[in-house]
Amino acid sequence: MTDRDTPLSDTAELRRLRWRARRGMRELDQLFERWLDQRWSQSPEAGRAVFRRLLDCEDDRLWKWFLGQERPGDVELDALVAEIRSLPHDP
């Protein structure tokens, strides 16, 4: 078994996700960072998987979702976007 076959440690995965969450759009960066800071550690694997799927979405689509101009067709993504939008700015 190689290192690539072993699951990432939670800390390593969090670092990797923080890098993936950097979109070059400060507002999106802040929204994703806020969720990672406030919710990642207590999220079940299913919630973490939805966050990973959210990061796979295109920036222009994400921006419309977070502005409330559109809603994701996926119920889980829609719920996560709503959750992220409702997070307090200062934990």
PDB file of N, CA and C in Angstrom:
ATOM      1  N   MET A   1       0.845  -1.185   0.000  1.00  0.00           N
ATOM      2  CA  MET A   1       0.000   0.000   0.000  1.00  0.00           C
ATOM      3  C   MET A   1       0.884   1.240   0.000  1.00  0.00           C
ATOM      4  N   THR A   2       0.603   2.178  -0.882  1.00  0.00           N
ATOM      5  CA  THR A   2       1.386   3.405  -0.959  1.00  0.00           C
ATOM      6  C   THR A   2       0.677   4.526  -0.216  1.00  0.00           C
ATOM      7  N   ASP A   3       1.350   5.667  -0.079  1.00  0.00           N
ATOM      8  CA  ASP A   3       0.741   6.826   0.562  1.00  0.00           C
ATOM      9  C   ASP A   3      -0.507   7.288  -0.183  1.00  0.00           C
ATOM     10  N   ARG A   4      -0.501   7.100  -1.503  1.00  0.00           N
ATOM     11  CA  ARG A   4      -1.665   7.519  -2.289  1.00  0.00           C
ATOM     12  C   ARG A   4      -2.885   6.651  -2.016  1.00  0.00           C
ATOM     13  N   ASP A   5      -2.666   5.426  -1.528  1.00  0.00           N
ATOM     14  CA  ASP A   5      -3.769   4.514  -1.249  1.00  0.00           C
ATOM     15  C   ASP A   5      -4.395   4.761   0.120  1.00  0.00           C
ATOM     16  N   THR A   6      -3.678   5.439   0.999  1.00  0.00           N
ATOM     17  CA  THR A   6      -4.196   5.677   2.342  1.00  0.00           C
ATOM     18  C   THR A   6      -5.016   6.952   2.351  1.00  0.00           C
ATOM     19  N   PRO A   7      -6.077   6.971   3.146  1.00  0.00           N
ATOM     20  CA  PRO A   7      -6.887   8.186   3.221  1.00  0.00           C
ATOM     21  C   PRO A   7      -6.064   9.331   3.819  1.00  0.00           C
ATOM     22  N   LEU A   8      -6.344  10.517   3.339  1.00  0.00           N
ATOM     23  CA  LEU A   8      -5.659  11.678   3.883  1.00  0.00           C
ATOM     24  C   LEU A   8      -6.050  11.871   5.341  1.00  0.00           C
ATOM     25  N   SER A   9      -5.099  12.294   6.137  1.00  0.00           N
ATOM     26  CA  SER A   9      -5.447  12.650   7.509  1.00  0.00           C
ATOM     27  C   SER A   9      -6.378  13.847   7.435  1.00  0.00           C
ATOM     28  N   ASP A  10      -7.149  14.042   8.474  1.00  0.00           N
ATOM     29  CA  ASP A  10      -8.103  15.147   8.493  1.00  0.00           C
ATOM     30  C   ASP A  10      -7.385  16.482   8.310  1.00  0.00           C
ATOM     31  N   THR A  11      -6.245  16.647   8.937  1.00  0.00           N
ATOM     32  CA  THR A  11      -5.489  17.896   8.822  1.00  0.00           C
ATOM     33  C   THR A  11      -4.983  18.097   7.404  1.00  0.00           C
ATOM     34  N   ALA A  12      -4.454  17.051   6.808  1.00  0.00           N
ATOM     35  CA  ALA A  12      -3.952  17.153   5.438  1.00  0.00           C
ATOM     36  C   ALA A  12      -5.093  17.453   4.466  1.00  0.00           C
ATOM     37  N   GLU A  13      -6.224  16.806   4.660  1.00  0.00           N
ATOM     38  CA  GLU A  13      -7.350  17.062   3.769  1.00  0.00           C
ATOM     39  C   GLU A  13      -7.852  18.488   3.932  1.00  0.00           C
ATOM     40  N   LEU A  14      -7.909  18.974   5.154  1.00  0.00           N
ATOM     41  CA  LEU A  14      -8.350  20.350   5.395  1.00  0.00           C
ATOM     42  C   LEU A  14      -7.414  21.335   4.693  1.00  0.00           C
ATOM     43  N   ARG A  15      -6.116  21.110   4.771  1.00  0.00           N
ATOM     44  CA  ARG A  15      -5.150  21.976   4.066  1.00  0.00           C
ATOM     45  C   ARG A  15      -5.393  21.937   2.555  1.00  0.00           C
ATOM     46  N   ARG A  16      -5.614  20.753   2.029  1.00  0.00           N
ATOM     47  CA  ARG A  16      -5.860  20.597   0.595  1.00  0.00           C
ATOM     48  C   ARG A  16      -7.148  21.306   0.188  1.00  0.00           C
ATOM     49  N   LEU A  17      -8.182  21.189   1.008  1.00  0.00           N
ATOM     50  CA  LEU A  17      -9.450  21.845   0.693  1.00  0.00           C
ATOM     51  C   LEU A  17      -9.327  23.361   0.777  1.00  0.00           C
ATOM     52  N   ARG A  18      -8.568  23.849   1.738  1.00  0.00           N
ATOM     53  CA  ARG A  18      -8.355  25.303   1.820  1.00  0.00           C
ATOM     54  C   ARG A  18      -7.709  25.807   0.531  1.00  0.00           C
ATOM     55  N   TRP A  19      -6.786  25.036  -0.015  1.00  0.00           N
ATOM     56  CA  TRP A  19      -6.156  25.417  -1.273  1.00  0.00           C
ATOM     57  C   TRP A  19      -7.165  25.381  -2.414  1.00  0.00           C
ATOM     58  N   ARG A  20      -7.964  24.326  -2.490  1.00  0.00           N
ATOM     59  CA  ARG A  20      -8.986  24.200  -3.541  1.00  0.00           C
ATOM     60  C   ARG A  20     -10.049  25.287  -3.435  1.00  0.00           C
ATOM     61  N   ALA A  21     -10.308  25.745  -2.216  1.00  0.00           N
ATOM     62  CA  ALA A  21     -11.356  26.744  -1.986  1.00  0.00           C
ATOM     63  C   ALA A  21     -10.921  28.146  -2.413  1.00  0.00           C
ATOM     64  N   ARG A  22      -9.659  28.328  -2.697  1.00  0.00           N
ATOM     65  CA  ARG A  22      -9.165  29.634  -3.144  1.00  0.00           C
ATOM     66  C   ARG A  22      -9.571  29.824  -4.595  1.00  0.00           C
ATOM     67  N   ARG A  23     -10.519  30.699  -4.804  1.00  0.00           N
ATOM     68  CA  ARG A  23     -11.096  30.873  -6.138  1.00  0.00           C
ATOM     69  C   ARG A  23     -10.592  32.125  -6.845  1.00  0.00           C
ATOM     70  N   GLY A  24      -9.892  32.990  -6.141  1.00  0.00           N
ATOM     71  CA  GLY A  24      -9.466  34.234  -6.754  1.00  0.00           C
ATOM     72  C   GLY A  24     -10.546  35.294  -6.700  1.00  0.00           C
ATOM     73  N   MET A  25     -11.638  34.979  -6.061  1.00  0.00           N
ATOM     74  CA  MET A  25     -12.721  35.929  -5.834  1.00  0.00           C
ATOM     75  C   MET A  25     -12.876  36.018  -4.315  1.00  0.00           C
ATOM     76  N   ARG A  26     -12.464  37.126  -3.773  1.00  0.00           N
ATOM     77  CA  ARG A  26     -12.368  37.253  -2.317  1.00  0.00           C
ATOM     78  C   ARG A  26     -13.647  36.834  -1.596  1.00  0.00           C
ATOM     79  N   GLU A  27     -14.783  37.223  -2.127  1.00  0.00           N
ATOM     80  CA  GLU A  27     -16.048  36.917  -1.462  1.00  0.00           C
ATOM     81  C   GLU A  27     -16.283  35.407  -1.375  1.00  0.00           C
ATOM     82  N   LEU A  28     -16.033  34.697  -2.473  1.00  0.00           N
ATOM     83  CA  LEU A  28     -16.187  33.237  -2.447  1.00  0.00           C
ATOM     84  C   LEU A  28     -15.152  32.615  -1.514  1.00  0.00           C
ATOM     85  N   ASP A  29     -13.922  33.109  -1.588  1.00  0.00           N
ATOM     86  CA  ASP A  29     -12.866  32.600  -0.699  1.00  0.00           C
ATOM     87  C   ASP A  29     -13.297  32.710   0.759  1.00  0.00           C
ATOM     88  N   GLN A  30     -13.848  33.855   1.122  1.00  0.00           N
ATOM     89  CA  GLN A  30     -14.265  34.077   2.508  1.00  0.00           C
ATOM     90  C   GLN A  30     -15.419  33.162   2.909  1.00  0.00           C
ATOM     91  N   LEU A  31     -16.364  32.956   2.017  1.00  0.00           N
ATOM     92  CA  LEU A  31     -17.488  32.067   2.320  1.00  0.00           C
ATOM     93  C   LEU A  31     -17.002  30.642   2.570  1.00  0.00           C
ATOM     94  N   PHE A  32     -16.136  30.153   1.689  1.00  0.00           N
ATOM     95  CA  PHE A  32     -15.627  28.793   1.851  1.00  0.00           C
ATOM     96  C   PHE A  32     -14.763  28.661   3.097  1.00  0.00           C
ATOM     97  N   GLU A  33     -13.907  29.636   3.338  1.00  0.00           N
ATOM     98  CA  GLU A  33     -13.053  29.612   4.533  1.00  0.00           C
ATOM     99  C   GLU A  33     -13.905  29.594   5.802  1.00  0.00           C
ATOM    100  N   ARG A  34     -14.961  30.388   5.802  1.00  0.00           N
ATOM    101  CA  ARG A  34     -15.846  30.454   6.971  1.00  0.00           C
ATOM    102  C   ARG A  34     -16.442  29.075   7.266  1.00  0.00           C
ATOM    103  N   TRP A  35     -16.904  28.374   6.210  1.00  0.00           N
ATOM    104  CA  TRP A  35     -17.481  27.042   6.429  1.00  0.00           C
ATOM    105  C   TRP A  35     -16.408  26.079   6.935  1.00  0.00           C
ATOM    106  N   LEU A  36     -15.239  26.130   6.323  1.00  0.00           N
ATOM    107  CA  LEU A  36     -14.154  25.241   6.766  1.00  0.00           C
ATOM    108  C   LEU A  36     -13.782  25.519   8.216  1.00  0.00           C
ATOM    109  N   ASP A  37     -13.720  26.781   8.598  1.00  0.00           N
ATOM    110  CA  ASP A  37     -13.359  27.145   9.975  1.00  0.00           C
ATOM    111  C   ASP A  37     -14.438  26.752  10.982  1.00  0.00           C
ATOM    112  N   GLN A  38     -15.693  26.959  10.612  1.00  0.00           N
ATOM    113  CA  GLN A  38     -16.784  26.801  11.574  1.00  0.00           C
ATOM    114  C   GLN A  38     -17.469  25.436  11.536  1.00  0.00           C
ATOM    115  N   ARG A  39     -17.421  24.738  10.405  1.00  0.00           N
ATOM    116  CA  ARG A  39     -18.232  23.528  10.283  1.00  0.00           C
ATOM    117  C   ARG A  39     -17.474  22.252   9.941  1.00  0.00           C
ATOM    118  N   TRP A  40     -16.323  22.373   9.312  1.00  0.00           N
ATOM    119  CA  TRP A  40     -15.627  21.178   8.838  1.00  0.00           C
ATOM    120  C   TRP A  40     -15.433  20.151   9.939  1.00  0.00           C
ATOM    121  N   SER A  41     -14.897  20.553  11.073  1.00  0.00           N
ATOM    122  CA  SER A  41     -14.504  19.589  12.105  1.00  0.00           C
ATOM    123  C   SER A  41     -15.674  18.780  12.643  1.00  0.00           C
ATOM    124  N   GLN A  42     -16.868  19.348  12.709  1.00  0.00           N
ATOM    125  CA  GLN A  42     -18.005  18.587  13.243  1.00  0.00           C
ATOM    126  C   GLN A  42     -18.901  18.008  12.149  1.00  0.00           C
ATOM    127  N   SER A  43     -18.546  18.230  10.898  1.00  0.00           N
ATOM    128  CA  SER A  43     -19.366  17.713   9.802  1.00  0.00           C
ATOM    129  C   SER A  43     -19.158  16.215   9.618  1.00  0.00           C
ATOM    130  N   PRO A  44     -20.249  15.485   9.388  1.00  0.00           N
ATOM    131  CA  PRO A  44     -20.106  14.060   9.063  1.00  0.00           C
ATOM    132  C   PRO A  44     -19.526  13.917   7.656  1.00  0.00           C
ATOM    133  N   GLU A  45     -19.067  12.751   7.323  1.00  0.00           N
ATOM    134  CA  GLU A  45     -18.461  12.518   6.008  1.00  0.00           C
ATOM    135  C   GLU A  45     -19.408  12.893   4.875  1.00  0.00           C
ATOM    136  N   ALA A  46     -20.691  12.648   5.042  1.00  0.00           N
ATOM    137  CA  ALA A  46     -21.652  12.992   3.983  1.00  0.00           C
ATOM    138  C   ALA A  46     -21.660  14.504   3.733  1.00  0.00           C
ATOM    139  N   GLY A  47     -21.608  15.295   4.781  1.00  0.00           N
ATOM    140  CA  GLY A  47     -21.564  16.751   4.636  1.00  0.00           C
ATOM    141  C   GLY A  47     -20.267  17.215   4.005  1.00  0.00           C
ATOM    142  N   ARG A  48     -19.189  16.562   4.357  1.00  0.00           N
ATOM    143  CA  ARG A  48     -17.889  16.892   3.767  1.00  0.00           C
ATOM    144  C   ARG A  48     -17.882  16.572   2.276  1.00  0.00           C
ATOM    145  N   ALA A  49     -18.521  15.473   1.910  1.00  0.00           N
ATOM    146  CA  ALA A  49     -18.594  15.085   0.498  1.00  0.00           C
ATOM    147  C   ALA A  49     -19.378  16.125  -0.308  1.00  0.00           C
ATOM    148  N   VAL A  50     -20.432  16.666   0.270  1.00  0.00           N
ATOM    149  CA  VAL A  50     -21.212  17.695  -0.425  1.00  0.00           C
ATOM    150  C   VAL A  50     -20.352  18.945  -0.614  1.00  0.00           C
ATOM    151  N   PHE A  51     -19.565  19.302   0.400  1.00  0.00           N
ATOM    152  CA  PHE A  51     -18.680  20.457   0.272  1.00  0.00           C
ATOM    153  C   PHE A  51     -17.664  20.233  -0.850  1.00  0.00           C
ATOM    154  N   ARG A  52     -17.114  19.031  -0.925  1.00  0.00           N
ATOM    155  CA  ARG A  52     -16.164  18.729  -1.999  1.00  0.00           C
ATOM    156  C   ARG A  52     -16.830  18.877  -3.372  1.00  0.00           C
ATOM    157  N   ARG A  53     -18.086  18.437  -3.479  1.00  0.00           N
ATOM    158  CA  ARG A  53     -18.816  18.580  -4.743  1.00  0.00           C
ATOM    159  C   ARG A  53     -19.050  20.054  -5.068  1.00  0.00           C
ATOM    160  N   LEU A  54     -19.321  20.847  -4.028  1.00  0.00           N
ATOM    161  CA  LEU A  54     -19.524  22.277  -4.232  1.00  0.00           C
ATOM    162  C   LEU A  54     -18.264  22.913  -4.822  1.00  0.00           C
ATOM    163  N   LEU A  55     -17.107  22.493  -4.334  1.00  0.00           N
ATOM    164  CA  LEU A  55     -15.852  23.039  -4.845  1.00  0.00           C
ATOM    165  C   LEU A  55     -15.607  22.671  -6.314  1.00  0.00           C
ATOM    166  N   ASP A  56     -16.274  21.634  -6.795  1.00  0.00           N
ATOM    167  CA  ASP A  56     -16.126  21.233  -8.194  1.00  0.00           C
ATOM    168  C   ASP A  56     -16.951  22.105  -9.143  1.00  0.00           C
ATOM    169  N   CYS A  57     -17.825  22.935  -8.600  1.00  0.00           N
ATOM    170  CA  CYS A  57     -18.700  23.766  -9.433  1.00  0.00           C
ATOM    171  C   CYS A  57     -17.949  24.983  -9.968  1.00  0.00           C
ATOM    172  N   GLU A  58     -18.434  25.499 -11.074  1.00  0.00           N
ATOM    173  CA  GLU A  58     -17.829  26.665 -11.707  1.00  0.00           C
ATOM    174  C   GLU A  58     -18.090  27.928 -10.896  1.00  0.00           C
ATOM    175  N   ASP A  59     -17.129  28.829 -10.910  1.00  0.00           N
ATOM    176  CA  ASP A  59     -17.207  30.048 -10.112  1.00  0.00           C
ATOM    177  C   ASP A  59     -18.416  30.914 -10.452  1.00  0.00           C
ATOM    178  N   ASP A  60     -18.715  31.071 -11.740  1.00  0.00           N
ATOM    179  CA  ASP A  60     -19.848  31.927 -12.093  1.00  0.00           C
ATOM    180  C   ASP A  60     -21.162  31.362 -11.568  1.00  0.00           C
ATOM    181  N   ARG A  61     -21.285  30.053 -11.572  1.00  0.00           N
ATOM    182  CA  ARG A  61     -22.485  29.406 -11.030  1.00  0.00           C
ATOM    183  C   ARG A  61     -22.535  29.581  -9.510  1.00  0.00           C
ATOM    184  N   LEU A  62     -21.396  29.359  -8.849  1.00  0.00           N
ATOM    185  CA  LEU A  62     -21.327  29.538  -7.392  1.00  0.00           C
ATOM    186  C   LEU A  62     -21.727  30.952  -7.007  1.00  0.00           C
ATOM    187  N   TRP A  63     -21.193  31.916  -7.725  1.00  0.00           N
ATOM    188  CA  TRP A  63     -21.472  33.311  -7.415  1.00  0.00           C
ATOM    189  C   TRP A  63     -22.975  33.598  -7.491  1.00  0.00           C
ATOM    190  N   LYS A  64     -23.644  33.096  -8.517  1.00  0.00           N
ATOM    191  CA  LYS A  64     -25.090  33.299  -8.643  1.00  0.00           C
ATOM    192  C   LYS A  64     -25.842  32.630  -7.499  1.00  0.00           C
ATOM    193  N   TRP A  65     -25.384  31.460  -7.093  1.00  0.00           N
ATOM    194  CA  TRP A  65     -26.038  30.765  -5.980  1.00  0.00           C
ATOM    195  C   TRP A  65     -25.880  31.547  -4.692  1.00  0.00           C
ATOM    196  N   PHE A  66     -24.666  32.012  -4.428  1.00  0.00           N
ATOM    197  CA  PHE A  66     -24.434  32.724  -3.167  1.00  0.00           C
ATOM    198  C   PHE A  66     -25.070  34.102  -3.147  1.00  0.00           C
ATOM    199  N   LEU A  67     -25.269  34.704  -4.311  1.00  0.00           N
ATOM    200  CA  LEU A  67     -25.987  35.980  -4.371  1.00  0.00           C
ATOM    201  C   LEU A  67     -27.499  35.782  -4.289  1.00  0.00           C
ATOM    202  N   GLY A  68     -27.940  34.536  -4.437  1.00  0.00           N
ATOM    203  CA  GLY A  68     -29.367  34.251  -4.399  1.00  0.00           C
ATOM    204  C   GLY A  68     -30.056  34.494  -5.732  1.00  0.00           C
ATOM    205  N   GLN A  69     -29.289  34.672  -6.810  1.00  0.00           N
ATOM    206  CA  GLN A  69     -29.871  34.884  -8.136  1.00  0.00           C
ATOM    207  C   GLN A  69     -30.385  33.584  -8.740  1.00  0.00           C
ATOM    208  N   GLU A  70     -29.761  32.481  -8.360  1.00  0.00           N
ATOM    209  CA  GLU A  70     -30.170  31.154  -8.805  1.00  0.00           C
ATOM    210  C   GLU A  70     -30.034  30.197  -7.634  1.00  0.00           C
ATOM    211  N   ARG A  71     -30.607  29.017  -7.803  1.00  0.00           N
ATOM    212  CA  ARG A  71     -30.464  27.961  -6.801  1.00  0.00           C
ATOM    213  C   ARG A  71     -29.961  26.702  -7.484  1.00  0.00           C
ATOM    214  N   PRO A  72     -29.110  25.961  -6.787  1.00  0.00           N
ATOM    215  CA  PRO A  72     -28.648  24.697  -7.360  1.00  0.00           C
ATOM    216  C   PRO A  72     -29.816  23.742  -7.557  1.00  0.00           C
ATOM    217  N   GLY A  73     -29.762  22.954  -8.608  1.00  0.00           N
ATOM    218  CA  GLY A  73     -30.784  21.941  -8.838  1.00  0.00           C
ATOM    219  C   GLY A  73     -30.635  20.750  -7.913  1.00  0.00           C
ATOM    220  N   ASP A  74     -29.466  20.595  -7.345  1.00  0.00           N
ATOM    221  CA  ASP A  74     -29.159  19.509  -6.412  1.00  0.00           C
ATOM    222  C   ASP A  74     -29.581  19.936  -4.993  1.00  0.00           C
ATOM    223  N   VAL A  75     -30.436  19.158  -4.368  1.00  0.00           N
ATOM    224  CA  VAL A  75     -30.982  19.503  -3.056  1.00  0.00           C
ATOM    225  C   VAL A  75     -29.878  19.642  -1.994  1.00  0.00           C
ATOM    226  N   GLU A  76     -28.895  18.746  -2.030  1.00  0.00           N
ATOM    227  CA  GLU A  76     -27.809  18.802  -1.044  1.00  0.00           C
ATOM    228  C   GLU A  76     -26.947  20.048  -1.234  1.00  0.00           C
ATOM    229  N   LEU A  77     -26.640  20.384  -2.475  1.00  0.00           N
ATOM    230  CA  LEU A  77     -25.858  21.597  -2.727  1.00  0.00           C
ATOM    231  C   LEU A  77     -26.651  22.835  -2.329  1.00  0.00           C
ATOM    232  N   ASP A  78     -27.948  22.827  -2.614  1.00  0.00           N
ATOM    233  CA  ASP A  78     -28.806  23.957  -2.252  1.00  0.00           C
ATOM    234  C   ASP A  78     -28.800  24.160  -0.739  1.00  0.00           C
ATOM    235  N   ALA A  79     -28.912  23.079   0.014  1.00  0.00           N
ATOM    236  CA  ALA A  79     -28.906  23.183   1.478  1.00  0.00           C
ATOM    237  C   ALA A  79     -27.557  23.692   1.988  1.00  0.00           C
ATOM    238  N   LEU A  80     -26.470  23.228   1.382  1.00  0.00           N
ATOM    239  CA  LEU A  80     -25.148  23.674   1.817  1.00  0.00           C
ATOM    240  C   LEU A  80     -24.933  25.145   1.488  1.00  0.00           C
ATOM    241  N   VAL A  81     -25.343  25.576   0.319  1.00  0.00           N
ATOM    242  CA  VAL A  81     -25.222  26.995  -0.034  1.00  0.00           C
ATOM    243  C   VAL A  81     -25.993  27.839   0.973  1.00  0.00           C
ATOM    244  N   ALA A  82     -27.206  27.423   1.310  1.00  0.00           N
ATOM    245  CA  ALA A  82     -28.006  28.159   2.297  1.00  0.00           C
ATOM    246  C   ALA A  82     -27.308  28.184   3.651  1.00  0.00           C
ATOM    247  N   GLU A  83     -26.732  27.067   4.040  1.00  0.00           N
ATOM    248  CA  GLU A  83     -26.014  27.000   5.318  1.00  0.00           C
ATOM    249  C   GLU A  83     -24.819  27.952   5.316  1.00  0.00           C
ATOM    250  N   ILE A  84     -24.047  27.926   4.259  1.00  0.00           N
ATOM    251  CA  ILE A  84     -22.864  28.784   4.175  1.00  0.00           C
ATOM    252  C   ILE A  84     -23.275  30.259   4.182  1.00  0.00           C
ATOM    253  N   ARG A  85     -24.331  30.578   3.470  1.00  0.00           N
ATOM    254  CA  ARG A  85     -24.821  31.975   3.434  1.00  0.00           C
ATOM    255  C   ARG A  85     -25.268  32.449   4.810  1.00  0.00           C
ATOM    256  N   SER A  86     -25.722  31.531   5.645  1.00  0.00           N
ATOM    257  CA  SER A  86     -26.256  31.922   6.961  1.00  0.00           C
ATOM    258  C   SER A  86     -25.202  31.940   8.073  1.00  0.00           C
ATOM    259  N   LEU A  87     -23.980  31.501   7.773  1.00  0.00           N
ATOM    260  CA  LEU A  87     -22.948  31.473   8.807  1.00  0.00           C
ATOM    261  C   LEU A  87     -22.601  32.883   9.274  1.00  0.00           C
ATOM    262  N   PRO A  88     -22.406  33.035  10.579  1.00  0.00           N
ATOM    263  CA  PRO A  88     -21.993  34.352  11.092  1.00  0.00           C
ATOM    264  C   PRO A  88     -20.582  34.685  10.596  1.00  0.00           C
ATOM    265  N   HIS A  89     -20.346  35.959  10.402  1.00  0.00           N
ATOM    266  CA  HIS A  89     -19.034  36.412   9.937  1.00  0.00           C
ATOM    267  C   HIS A  89     -17.966  36.218  10.977  1.00  0.00           C
ATOM    268  N   ASP A  90     -18.297  36.372  12.220  1.00  0.00           N
ATOM    269  CA  ASP A  90     -17.342  36.171  13.320  1.00  0.00           C
ATOM    270  C   ASP A  90     -17.830  35.036  14.188  1.00  0.00           C
ATOM    271  N   PRO A  91     -17.081  33.900  14.179  1.00  0.00           N
ATOM    272  CA  PRO A  91     -17.542  32.739  14.960  1.00  0.00           C
ATOM    273  C   PRO A  91     -17.568  33.018  16.446  1.00  0.00           C
TER     274      PRO A  91
END
